Amino acid sequence: MAKRKALSKKIRCEVFKRDKFTCKWCGRGPVLDGVILEVDHITPVKEGGNNHMLNLVTSCFDCNRGKAANKIDDNKVVAQQKKQLDLEQDKKEQMELVFQWH
């Protein structure tokens, strides 16, 4: 098993900036959604993943903890993004109804 090395604040900041402060898995961010962001390894450290920028992505707390040391394949990412878009559409429709009601 590979030994985990701590990520510097500089690398974390660079990953967040590259990913536009948005979770790569669900699309949420700290400003609109109030989530806590973390840096996630695409290939888990326990499977030989390293701290290279190409192996790091921005992940919200929930996605990172839910994923744990597992890989997320493209189908799961697409399914999660669709679910998030469906929820956002529901929110939009509800807000429109509230505005019409007022």
C-alpha atoms as a PDB file:
ATOM      1  CA  MET A   1       0.000   0.000   0.000  1.00  0.00           C
ATOM      2  CA  ALA A   2       1.243   3.496  -0.854  1.00  0.00           C
ATOM      3  CA  LYS A   3       2.005   5.819   2.038  1.00  0.00           C
ATOM      4  CA  ARG A   4      -0.181   8.923   2.180  1.00  0.00           C
ATOM      5  CA  LYS A   5       1.689  12.221   2.004  1.00  0.00           C
ATOM      6  CA  ALA A   6       0.047  15.410   3.233  1.00  0.00           C
ATOM      7  CA  LEU A   7      -1.035  17.909   0.578  1.00  0.00           C
ATOM      8  CA  SER A   8       0.301  21.426   0.935  1.00  0.00           C
ATOM      9  CA  LYS A   9      -2.105  24.359   1.153  1.00  0.00           C
ATOM     10  CA  LYS A  10      -0.695  25.593  -2.144  1.00  0.00           C
ATOM     11  CA  ILE A  11      -1.595  22.362  -3.968  1.00  0.00           C
ATOM     12  CA  ARG A  12      -5.072  22.356  -2.402  1.00  0.00           C
ATOM     13  CA  CYS A  13      -5.632  25.924  -3.521  1.00  0.00           C
ATOM     14  CA  GLU A  14      -4.410  25.148  -7.052  1.00  0.00           C
ATOM     15  CA  VAL A  15      -6.784  22.159  -7.315  1.00  0.00           C
ATOM     16  CA  PHE A  16      -9.726  24.282  -6.073  1.00  0.00           C
ATOM     17  CA  LYS A  17      -8.911  27.060  -8.548  1.00  0.00           C
ATOM     18  CA  ARG A  18      -8.501  24.637 -11.453  1.00  0.00           C
ATOM     19  CA  ASP A  19     -11.878  23.050 -10.650  1.00  0.00           C
ATOM     20  CA  LYS A  20     -13.546  26.457 -10.109  1.00  0.00           C
ATOM     21  CA  PHE A  21     -14.333  25.679  -6.456  1.00  0.00           C
ATOM     22  CA  THR A  22     -16.901  23.091  -7.542  1.00  0.00           C
ATOM     23  CA  CYS A  23     -17.225  19.433  -6.558  1.00  0.00           C
ATOM     24  CA  LYS A  24     -16.163  17.315  -9.522  1.00  0.00           C
ATOM     25  CA  TRP A  25     -18.659  14.588  -8.622  1.00  0.00           C
ATOM     26  CA  CYS A  26     -21.922  16.434  -7.838  1.00  0.00           C
ATOM     27  CA  GLY A  27     -21.321  20.003  -9.031  1.00  0.00           C
ATOM     28  CA  ARG A  28     -21.976  21.722  -5.704  1.00  0.00           C
ATOM     29  CA  GLY A  29     -19.850  24.526  -4.306  1.00  0.00           C
ATOM     30  CA  PRO A  30     -19.349  26.534  -1.125  1.00  0.00           C
ATOM     31  CA  VAL A  31     -20.987  29.774  -2.258  1.00  0.00           C
ATOM     32  CA  LEU A  32     -24.439  28.666  -3.430  1.00  0.00           C
ATOM     33  CA  ASP A  33     -24.663  25.285  -1.736  1.00  0.00           C
ATOM     34  CA  GLY A  34     -22.689  25.904   1.455  1.00  0.00           C
ATOM     35  CA  VAL A  35     -20.659  22.700   1.152  1.00  0.00           C
ATOM     36  CA  ILE A  36     -17.184  22.106   2.513  1.00  0.00           C
ATOM     37  CA  LEU A  37     -14.681  21.324  -0.227  1.00  0.00           C
ATOM     38  CA  GLU A  38     -11.836  18.824   0.011  1.00  0.00           C
ATOM     39  CA  VAL A  39      -9.204  17.495  -2.353  1.00  0.00           C
ATOM     40  CA  ASP A  40      -9.897  13.932  -3.475  1.00  0.00           C
ATOM     41  CA  HIS A  41      -7.602  11.361  -5.089  1.00  0.00           C
ATOM     42  CA  ILE A  42      -9.023   9.926  -8.333  1.00  0.00           C
ATOM     43  CA  THR A  43      -6.924   6.788  -7.905  1.00  0.00           C
ATOM     44  CA  PRO A  44      -6.981   6.128  -4.167  1.00  0.00           C
ATOM     45  CA  VAL A  45      -3.677   6.208  -2.302  1.00  0.00           C
ATOM     46  CA  LYS A  46      -4.259   2.641  -1.108  1.00  0.00           C
ATOM     47  CA  GLU A  47      -4.307   1.586  -4.782  1.00  0.00           C
ATOM     48  CA  GLY A  48      -1.093   3.420  -5.603  1.00  0.00           C
ATOM     49  CA  GLY A  49      -2.529   6.871  -6.306  1.00  0.00           C
ATOM     50  CA  ASN A  50      -0.209   9.831  -5.774  1.00  0.00           C
ATOM     51  CA  ASN A  51      -0.480  13.557  -5.059  1.00  0.00           C
ATOM     52  CA  HIS A  52       0.120  14.628  -8.655  1.00  0.00           C
ATOM     53  CA  MET A  53      -2.299  17.342  -9.845  1.00  0.00           C
ATOM     54  CA  LEU A  54      -3.696  14.970 -12.498  1.00  0.00           C
ATOM     55  CA  ASN A  55      -4.764  12.560  -9.749  1.00  0.00           C
ATOM     56  CA  LEU A  56      -6.435  15.226  -7.598  1.00  0.00           C
ATOM     57  CA  VAL A  57      -9.902  16.733  -7.924  1.00  0.00           C
ATOM     58  CA  THR A  58     -12.136  18.989  -5.883  1.00  0.00           C
ATOM     59  CA  SER A  59     -14.769  17.055  -3.966  1.00  0.00           C
ATOM     60  CA  CYS A  60     -17.385  18.148  -1.458  1.00  0.00           C
ATOM     61  CA  PHE A  61     -17.276  16.583   2.005  1.00  0.00           C
ATOM     62  CA  ASP A  62     -20.311  14.341   1.306  1.00  0.00           C
ATOM     63  CA  CYS A  63     -19.011  12.970  -2.008  1.00  0.00           C
ATOM     64  CA  ASN A  64     -15.501  12.416  -0.682  1.00  0.00           C
ATOM     65  CA  ARG A  65     -16.681  10.602   2.446  1.00  0.00           C
ATOM     66  CA  GLY A  66     -19.279   8.610   0.513  1.00  0.00           C
ATOM     67  CA  LYS A  67     -16.724   7.555  -2.079  1.00  0.00           C
ATOM     68  CA  ALA A  68     -14.083   6.659   0.528  1.00  0.00           C
ATOM     69  CA  ALA A  69     -11.187   4.769  -1.074  1.00  0.00           C
ATOM     70  CA  ASN A  70     -13.191   3.628  -4.088  1.00  0.00           C
ATOM     71  CA  LYS A  71     -12.849   4.783  -7.668  1.00  0.00           C
ATOM     72  CA  ILE A  72     -15.821   6.538  -9.216  1.00  0.00           C
ATOM     73  CA  ASP A  73     -16.350   5.551 -12.818  1.00  0.00           C
ATOM     74  CA  ASP A  74     -17.801   7.879 -15.449  1.00  0.00           C
ATOM     75  CA  ASN A  75     -21.295   6.344 -15.271  1.00  0.00           C
ATOM     76  CA  LYS A  76     -21.556   7.159 -11.570  1.00  0.00           C
ATOM     77  CA  VAL A  77     -20.416  10.725 -12.184  1.00  0.00           C
ATOM     78  CA  VAL A  78     -22.998  11.222 -14.927  1.00  0.00           C
ATOM     79  CA  ALA A  79     -25.742   9.699 -12.758  1.00  0.00           C
ATOM     80  CA  GLN A  80     -24.809  11.977  -9.836  1.00  0.00           C
ATOM     81  CA  GLN A  81     -24.738  15.045 -12.068  1.00  0.00           C
ATOM     82  CA  LYS A  82     -28.157  14.169 -13.519  1.00  0.00           C
ATOM     83  CA  LYS A  83     -29.583  13.733 -10.029  1.00  0.00           C
ATOM     84  CA  GLN A  84     -28.162  17.129  -9.020  1.00  0.00           C
ATOM     85  CA  LEU A  85     -29.596  18.784 -12.141  1.00  0.00           C
ATOM     86  CA  ASP A  86     -32.997  17.225 -11.465  1.00  0.00           C
ATOM     87  CA  LEU A  87     -32.923  18.597  -7.903  1.00  0.00           C
ATOM     88  CA  GLU A  88     -31.931  22.034  -9.185  1.00  0.00           C
ATOM     89  CA  GLN A  89     -34.815  21.960 -11.673  1.00  0.00           C
ATOM     90  CA  ASP A  90     -37.231  21.045  -8.866  1.00  0.00           C
ATOM     91  CA  LYS A  91     -35.913  23.983  -6.787  1.00  0.00           C
ATOM     92  CA  LYS A  92     -36.354  26.352  -9.729  1.00  0.00           C
ATOM     93  CA  GLU A  93     -39.933  25.211 -10.347  1.00  0.00           C
ATOM     94  CA  GLN A  94     -40.792  25.568  -6.663  1.00  0.00           C
ATOM     95  CA  MET A  95     -39.335  29.080  -6.535  1.00  0.00           C
ATOM     96  CA  GLU A  96     -41.358  30.066  -9.602  1.00  0.00           C
ATOM     97  CA  LEU A  97     -44.516  28.773  -7.915  1.00  0.00           C
ATOM     98  CA  VAL A  98     -43.741  30.765  -4.766  1.00  0.00           C
ATOM     99  CA  PHE A  99     -43.237  33.956  -6.801  1.00  0.00           C
ATOM    100  CA  GLN A 100     -46.497  33.365  -8.685  1.00  0.00           C
ATOM    101  CA  TRP A 101     -48.340  32.788  -5.439  1.00  0.00           C
ATOM    102  CA  HIS A 102     -47.092  36.079  -3.996  1.00  0.00           C
END
